[in-house]
Amino acid sequence: MIDCTRQLANIIINKVATMSEKFNRKNCRQYDAIVTEITSAAVSTFVLVEPQDYVDVPRSRSPGSLKVN
């Protein structure tokens, strides 16, 4: 009876460990893909900062100066 309990425990532990390993590897691959995409898209720091400037410039001006004629 004790041997059956140990065998069952080992089977469950092995299945959980395998599932956890697969899940963690999937997360690592997704993280690596995100990092690769981010680092390969930016040629320079300027490219990364440019969208922030697009937002900051209108904030620093008065509403009247933003009108298009």
PDB file of N, CA and C in Angstrom:
ATOM      1  N   MET A   1       0.811  -1.190   0.000  1.00  0.00           N
ATOM      2  CA  MET A   1       0.000   0.000   0.000  1.00  0.00           C
ATOM      3  C   MET A   1       0.861   1.263   0.000  1.00  0.00           C
ATOM      4  N   ILE A   2       1.934   1.253   0.787  1.00  0.00           N
ATOM      5  CA  ILE A   2       2.827   2.407   0.849  1.00  0.00           C
ATOM      6  C   ILE A   2       3.519   2.611  -0.491  1.00  0.00           C
ATOM      7  N   ASP A   3       3.908   1.510  -1.151  1.00  0.00           N
ATOM      8  CA  ASP A   3       4.549   1.617  -2.461  1.00  0.00           C
ATOM      9  C   ASP A   3       3.606   2.245  -3.490  1.00  0.00           C
ATOM     10  N   CYS A   4       2.345   1.867  -3.453  1.00  0.00           N
ATOM     11  CA  CYS A   4       1.361   2.443  -4.390  1.00  0.00           C
ATOM     12  C   CYS A   4       1.212   3.941  -4.145  1.00  0.00           C
ATOM     13  N   THR A   5       1.212   4.336  -2.884  1.00  0.00           N
ATOM     14  CA  THR A   5       1.091   5.756  -2.546  1.00  0.00           C
ATOM     15  C   THR A   5       2.299   6.530  -3.044  1.00  0.00           C
ATOM     16  N   ARG A   6       3.479   5.964  -2.868  1.00  0.00           N
ATOM     17  CA  ARG A   6       4.708   6.615  -3.347  1.00  0.00           C
ATOM     18  C   ARG A   6       4.716   6.717  -4.865  1.00  0.00           C
ATOM     19  N   GLN A   7       4.293   5.652  -5.532  1.00  0.00           N
ATOM     20  CA  GLN A   7       4.239   5.671  -6.997  1.00  0.00           C
ATOM     21  C   GLN A   7       3.272   6.745  -7.488  1.00  0.00           C
ATOM     22  N   LEU A   8       2.110   6.818  -6.865  1.00  0.00           N
ATOM     23  CA  LEU A   8       1.122   7.828  -7.239  1.00  0.00           C
ATOM     24  C   LEU A   8       1.677   9.236  -7.003  1.00  0.00           C
ATOM     25  N   ALA A   9       2.324   9.431  -5.869  1.00  0.00           N
ATOM     26  CA  ALA A   9       2.921  10.734  -5.562  1.00  0.00           C
ATOM     27  C   ALA A   9       3.979  11.096  -6.595  1.00  0.00           C
ATOM     28  N   ASN A  10       4.820  10.132  -6.974  1.00  0.00           N
ATOM     29  CA  ASN A  10       5.855  10.384  -7.981  1.00  0.00           C
ATOM     30  C   ASN A  10       5.251  10.729  -9.337  1.00  0.00           C
ATOM     31  N   ILE A  11       4.194  10.034  -9.714  1.00  0.00           N
ATOM     32  CA  ILE A  11       3.532  10.315 -10.994  1.00  0.00           C
ATOM     33  C   ILE A  11       2.981  11.739 -10.993  1.00  0.00           C
ATOM     34  N   ILE A  12       2.301  12.104  -9.915  1.00  0.00           N
ATOM     35  CA  ILE A  12       1.719  13.447  -9.825  1.00  0.00           C
ATOM     36  C   ILE A  12       2.815  14.510  -9.825  1.00  0.00           C
ATOM     37  N   ILE A  13       3.852  14.290  -9.042  1.00  0.00           N
ATOM     38  CA  ILE A  13       4.960  15.252  -8.973  1.00  0.00           C
ATOM     39  C   ILE A  13       5.617  15.409 -10.336  1.00  0.00           C
ATOM     40  N   ASN A  14       5.855  14.307 -11.032  1.00  0.00           N
ATOM     41  CA  ASN A  14       6.478  14.375 -12.357  1.00  0.00           C
ATOM     42  C   ASN A  14       5.602  15.125 -13.359  1.00  0.00           C
ATOM     43  N   LYS A  15       4.295  14.879 -13.317  1.00  0.00           N
ATOM     44  CA  LYS A  15       3.387  15.575 -14.237  1.00  0.00           C
ATOM     45  C   LYS A  15       3.353  17.069 -13.947  1.00  0.00           C
ATOM     46  N   VAL A  16       3.267  17.425 -12.668  1.00  0.00           N
ATOM     47  CA  VAL A  16       3.241  18.845 -12.297  1.00  0.00           C
ATOM     48  C   VAL A  16       4.557  19.516 -12.677  1.00  0.00           C
ATOM     49  N   ALA A  17       5.671  18.847 -12.427  1.00  0.00           N
ATOM     50  CA  ALA A  17       6.974  19.413 -12.765  1.00  0.00           C
ATOM     51  C   ALA A  17       7.110  19.609 -14.268  1.00  0.00           C
ATOM     52  N   THR A  18       6.657  18.645 -15.052  1.00  0.00           N
ATOM     53  CA  THR A  18       6.726  18.752 -16.508  1.00  0.00           C
ATOM     54  C   THR A  18       5.852  19.892 -17.012  1.00  0.00           C
ATOM     55  N   MET A  19       4.636  19.991 -16.490  1.00  0.00           N
ATOM     56  CA  MET A  19       3.736  21.070 -16.901  1.00  0.00           C
ATOM     57  C   MET A  19       4.313  22.431 -16.525  1.00  0.00           C
ATOM     58  N   SER A  20       4.881  22.528 -15.344  1.00  0.00           N
ATOM     59  CA  SER A  20       5.466  23.786 -14.883  1.00  0.00           C
ATOM     60  C   SER A  20       6.651  24.184 -15.756  1.00  0.00           C
ATOM     61  N   GLU A  21       7.475  23.202 -16.100  1.00  0.00           N
ATOM     62  CA  GLU A  21       8.638  23.473 -16.949  1.00  0.00           C
ATOM     63  C   GLU A  21       8.200  23.977 -18.324  1.00  0.00           C
ATOM     64  N   LYS A  22       7.207  23.337 -18.915  1.00  0.00           N
ATOM     65  CA  LYS A  22       6.700  23.767 -20.225  1.00  0.00           C
ATOM     66  C   LYS A  22       6.126  25.177 -20.145  1.00  0.00           C
ATOM     67  N   PHE A  23       5.358  25.451 -19.095  1.00  0.00           N
ATOM     68  CA  PHE A  23       4.756  26.767 -18.913  1.00  0.00           C
ATOM     69  C   PHE A  23       5.834  27.833 -18.769  1.00  0.00           C
ATOM     70  N   ASN A  24       6.845  27.563 -17.948  1.00  0.00           N
ATOM     71  CA  ASN A  24       7.923  28.529 -17.734  1.00  0.00           C
ATOM     72  C   ASN A  24       8.729  28.757 -19.005  1.00  0.00           C
ATOM     73  N   ARG A  25       8.984  27.701 -19.767  1.00  0.00           N
ATOM     74  CA  ARG A  25       9.712  27.858 -21.026  1.00  0.00           C
ATOM     75  C   ARG A  25       8.920  28.707 -22.010  1.00  0.00           C
ATOM     76  N   LYS A  26       7.605  28.512 -22.036  1.00  0.00           N
ATOM     77  CA  LYS A  26       6.748  29.304 -22.914  1.00  0.00           C
ATOM     78  C   LYS A  26       6.838  30.781 -22.530  1.00  0.00           C
ATOM     79  N   ASN A  27       6.781  31.063 -21.227  1.00  0.00           N
ATOM     80  CA  ASN A  27       6.901  32.445 -20.765  1.00  0.00           C
ATOM     81  C   ASN A  27       8.252  33.041 -21.135  1.00  0.00           C
ATOM     82  N   CYS A  28       9.303  32.265 -20.999  1.00  0.00           N
ATOM     83  CA  CYS A  28      10.641  32.746 -21.349  1.00  0.00           C
ATOM     84  C   CYS A  28      10.737  33.043 -22.840  1.00  0.00           C
ATOM     85  N   ARG A  29      10.166  32.179 -23.666  1.00  0.00           N
ATOM     86  CA  ARG A  29      10.187  32.419 -25.115  1.00  0.00           C
ATOM     87  C   ARG A  29       9.410  33.680 -25.468  1.00  0.00           C
ATOM     88  N   GLN A  30       8.264  33.893 -24.817  1.00  0.00           N
ATOM     89  CA  GLN A  30       7.480  35.103 -25.075  1.00  0.00           C
ATOM     90  C   GLN A  30       8.253  36.345 -24.644  1.00  0.00           C
ATOM     91  N   TYR A  31       8.889  36.288 -23.501  1.00  0.00           N
ATOM     92  CA  TYR A  31       9.686  37.415 -23.013  1.00  0.00           C
ATOM     93  C   TYR A  31      10.837  37.698 -23.973  1.00  0.00           C
ATOM     94  N   ASP A  32      11.537  36.653 -24.408  1.00  0.00           N
ATOM     95  CA  ASP A  32      12.637  36.829 -25.354  1.00  0.00           C
ATOM     96  C   ASP A  32      12.158  37.453 -26.656  1.00  0.00           C
ATOM     97  N   ALA A  33      10.988  37.049 -27.125  1.00  0.00           N
ATOM     98  CA  ALA A  33      10.439  37.618 -28.361  1.00  0.00           C
ATOM     99  C   ALA A  33      10.131  39.100 -28.187  1.00  0.00           C
ATOM    100  N   ILE A  34       9.585  39.467 -27.037  1.00  0.00           N
ATOM    101  CA  ILE A  34       9.285  40.878 -26.772  1.00  0.00           C
ATOM    102  C   ILE A  34      10.572  41.693 -26.722  1.00  0.00           C
ATOM    103  N   VAL A  35      11.569  41.200 -26.013  1.00  0.00           N
ATOM    104  CA  VAL A  35      12.845  41.908 -25.908  1.00  0.00           C
ATOM    105  C   VAL A  35      13.487  42.054 -27.282  1.00  0.00           C
ATOM    106  N   THR A  36      13.452  41.005 -28.081  1.00  0.00           N
ATOM    107  CA  THR A  36      14.025  41.060 -29.423  1.00  0.00           C
ATOM    108  C   THR A  36      13.313  42.095 -30.272  1.00  0.00           C
ATOM    109  N   GLU A  37      12.000  42.120 -30.205  1.00  0.00           N
ATOM    110  CA  GLU A  37      11.215  43.085 -30.985  1.00  0.00           C
ATOM    111  C   GLU A  37      11.533  44.514 -30.569  1.00  0.00           C
ATOM    112  N   ILE A  38      11.594  44.749 -29.286  1.00  0.00           N
ATOM    113  CA  ILE A  38      11.856  46.106 -28.792  1.00  0.00           C
ATOM    114  C   ILE A  38      13.252  46.568 -29.181  1.00  0.00           C
ATOM    115  N   THR A  39      14.229  45.719 -28.994  1.00  0.00           N
ATOM    116  CA  THR A  39      15.607  46.134 -29.261  1.00  0.00           C
ATOM    117  C   THR A  39      15.920  46.207 -30.742  1.00  0.00           C
ATOM    118  N   SER A  40      15.250  45.416 -31.557  1.00  0.00           N
ATOM    119  CA  SER A  40      15.555  45.460 -32.988  1.00  0.00           C
ATOM    120  C   SER A  40      14.814  46.591 -33.689  1.00  0.00           C
ATOM    121  N   ALA A  41      13.708  47.054 -33.135  1.00  0.00           N
ATOM    122  CA  ALA A  41      12.924  48.108 -33.777  1.00  0.00           C
ATOM    123  C   ALA A  41      13.577  49.474 -33.618  1.00  0.00           C
ATOM    124  N   ALA A  42      14.282  49.691 -32.547  1.00  0.00           N
ATOM    125  CA  ALA A  42      14.879  50.995 -32.287  1.00  0.00           C
ATOM    126  C   ALA A  42      16.298  51.056 -32.827  1.00  0.00           C
ATOM    127  N   VAL A  43      16.504  51.968 -33.773  1.00  0.00           N
ATOM    128  CA  VAL A  43      17.837  52.147 -34.338  1.00  0.00           C
ATOM    129  C   VAL A  43      18.682  52.982 -33.391  1.00  0.00           C
ATOM    130  N   SER A  44      18.038  53.914 -32.710  1.00  0.00           N
ATOM    131  CA  SER A  44      18.761  54.772 -31.780  1.00  0.00           C
ATOM    132  C   SER A  44      17.846  55.155 -30.623  1.00  0.00           C
ATOM    133  N   THR A  45      18.424  55.811 -29.643  1.00  0.00           N
ATOM    134  CA  THR A  45      17.641  56.296 -28.517  1.00  0.00           C
ATOM    135  C   THR A  45      16.627  57.328 -28.983  1.00  0.00           C
ATOM    136  N   PHE A  46      17.007  58.109 -29.987  1.00  0.00           N
ATOM    137  CA  PHE A  46      16.108  59.137 -30.517  1.00  0.00           C
ATOM    138  C   PHE A  46      14.790  58.523 -30.980  1.00  0.00           C
ATOM    139  N   VAL A  47      14.860  57.385 -31.624  1.00  0.00           N
ATOM    140  CA  VAL A  47      13.648  56.720 -32.113  1.00  0.00           C
ATOM    141  C   VAL A  47      12.740  56.347 -30.945  1.00  0.00           C
ATOM    142  N   LEU A  48      13.327  55.982 -29.820  1.00  0.00           N
ATOM    143  CA  LEU A  48      12.538  55.626 -28.645  1.00  0.00           C
ATOM    144  C   LEU A  48      11.926  56.857 -27.971  1.00  0.00           C
ATOM    145  N   VAL A  49      12.641  57.990 -28.001  1.00  0.00           N
ATOM    146  CA  VAL A  49      12.207  59.199 -27.308  1.00  0.00           C
ATOM    147  C   VAL A  49      11.252  60.032 -28.162  1.00  0.00           C
ATOM    148  N   GLU A  50      11.311  59.895 -29.463  1.00  0.00           N
ATOM    149  CA  GLU A  50      10.513  60.715 -30.378  1.00  0.00           C
ATOM    150  C   GLU A  50       9.014  60.713 -30.052  1.00  0.00           C
ATOM    151  N   PRO A  51       8.378  59.569 -29.782  1.00  0.00           N
ATOM    152  CA  PRO A  51       6.946  59.609 -29.436  1.00  0.00           C
ATOM    153  C   PRO A  51       6.656  60.425 -28.176  1.00  0.00           C
ATOM    154  N   GLN A  52       7.562  60.411 -27.224  1.00  0.00           N
ATOM    155  CA  GLN A  52       7.358  61.205 -26.010  1.00  0.00           C
ATOM    156  C   GLN A  52       7.387  62.690 -26.341  1.00  0.00           C
ATOM    157  N   ASP A  53       8.280  63.115 -27.234  1.00  0.00           N
ATOM    158  CA  ASP A  53       8.323  64.514 -27.655  1.00  0.00           C
ATOM    159  C   ASP A  53       7.018  64.910 -28.328  1.00  0.00           C
ATOM    160  N   TYR A  54       6.449  64.014 -29.085  1.00  0.00           N
ATOM    161  CA  TYR A  54       5.186  64.280 -29.772  1.00  0.00           C
ATOM    162  C   TYR A  54       4.085  64.624 -28.770  1.00  0.00           C
ATOM    163  N   VAL A  55       4.134  64.003 -27.603  1.00  0.00           N
ATOM    164  CA  VAL A  55       3.143  64.266 -26.556  1.00  0.00           C
ATOM    165  C   VAL A  55       3.519  65.502 -25.748  1.00  0.00           C
ATOM    166  N   ASP A  56       4.804  65.686 -25.449  1.00  0.00           N
ATOM    167  CA  ASP A  56       5.239  66.786 -24.587  1.00  0.00           C
ATOM    168  C   ASP A  56       5.105  68.154 -25.241  1.00  0.00           C
ATOM    169  N   VAL A  57       5.353  68.273 -26.541  1.00  0.00           N
ATOM    170  CA  VAL A  57       5.309  69.573 -27.214  1.00  0.00           C
ATOM    171  C   VAL A  57       3.918  70.199 -27.122  1.00  0.00           C
ATOM    172  N   PRO A  58       2.838  69.508 -27.468  1.00  0.00           N
ATOM    173  CA  PRO A  58       1.515  70.135 -27.320  1.00  0.00           C
ATOM    174  C   PRO A  58       1.179  70.498 -25.868  1.00  0.00           C
ATOM    175  N   ARG A  59       1.659  69.734 -24.929  1.00  0.00           N
ATOM    176  CA  ARG A  59       1.396  70.032 -23.519  1.00  0.00           C
ATOM    177  C   ARG A  59       2.014  71.362 -23.107  1.00  0.00           C
ATOM    178  N   SER A  60       3.165  71.693 -23.682  1.00  0.00           N
ATOM    179  CA  SER A  60       3.895  72.884 -23.262  1.00  0.00           C
ATOM    180  C   SER A  60       3.387  74.156 -23.939  1.00  0.00           C
ATOM    181  N   ARG A  61       2.496  74.046 -24.895  1.00  0.00           N
ATOM    182  CA  ARG A  61       1.991  75.220 -25.619  1.00  0.00           C
ATOM    183  C   ARG A  61       0.588  75.579 -25.153  1.00  0.00           C
ATOM    184  N   SER A  62       0.222  76.809 -25.447  1.00  0.00           N
ATOM    185  CA  SER A  62      -1.145  77.231 -25.128  1.00  0.00           C
ATOM    186  C   SER A  62      -2.095  76.667 -26.176  1.00  0.00           C
ATOM    187  N   PRO A  63      -3.353  76.467 -25.836  1.00  0.00           N
ATOM    188  CA  PRO A  63      -4.312  75.907 -26.799  1.00  0.00           C
ATOM    189  C   PRO A  63      -4.435  76.734 -28.082  1.00  0.00           C
ATOM    190  N   GLY A  64      -4.315  78.060 -27.978  1.00  0.00           N
ATOM    191  CA  GLY A  64      -4.425  78.908 -29.165  1.00  0.00           C
ATOM    192  C   GLY A  64      -3.302  78.700 -30.159  1.00  0.00           C
ATOM    193  N   SER A  65      -2.118  78.373 -29.672  1.00  0.00           N
ATOM    194  CA  SER A  65      -0.982  78.195 -30.579  1.00  0.00           C
ATOM    195  C   SER A  65      -1.023  76.857 -31.308  1.00  0.00           C
ATOM    196  N   LEU A  66      -1.921  75.981 -30.908  1.00  0.00           N
ATOM    197  CA  LEU A  66      -2.017  74.668 -31.544  1.00  0.00           C
ATOM    198  C   LEU A  66      -3.022  74.650 -32.693  1.00  0.00           C
ATOM    199  N   LYS A  67      -3.730  75.768 -32.913  1.00  0.00           N
ATOM    200  CA  LYS A  67      -4.722  75.816 -33.985  1.00  0.00           C
ATOM    201  C   LYS A  67      -4.057  75.711 -35.344  1.00  0.00           C
ATOM    202  N   VAL A  68      -4.740  75.037 -36.239  1.00  0.00           N
ATOM    203  CA  VAL A  68      -4.256  74.916 -37.611  1.00  0.00           C
ATOM    204  C   VAL A  68      -5.016  75.929 -38.451  1.00  0.00           C
ATOM    205  N   ASN A  69      -4.293  76.747 -39.220  1.00  0.00           N
ATOM    206  CA  ASN A  69      -4.938  77.766 -40.073  1.00  0.00           C
ATOM    207  C   ASN A  69      -5.313  77.219 -41.408  1.00  0.00           C
TER     208      ASN A  69
END
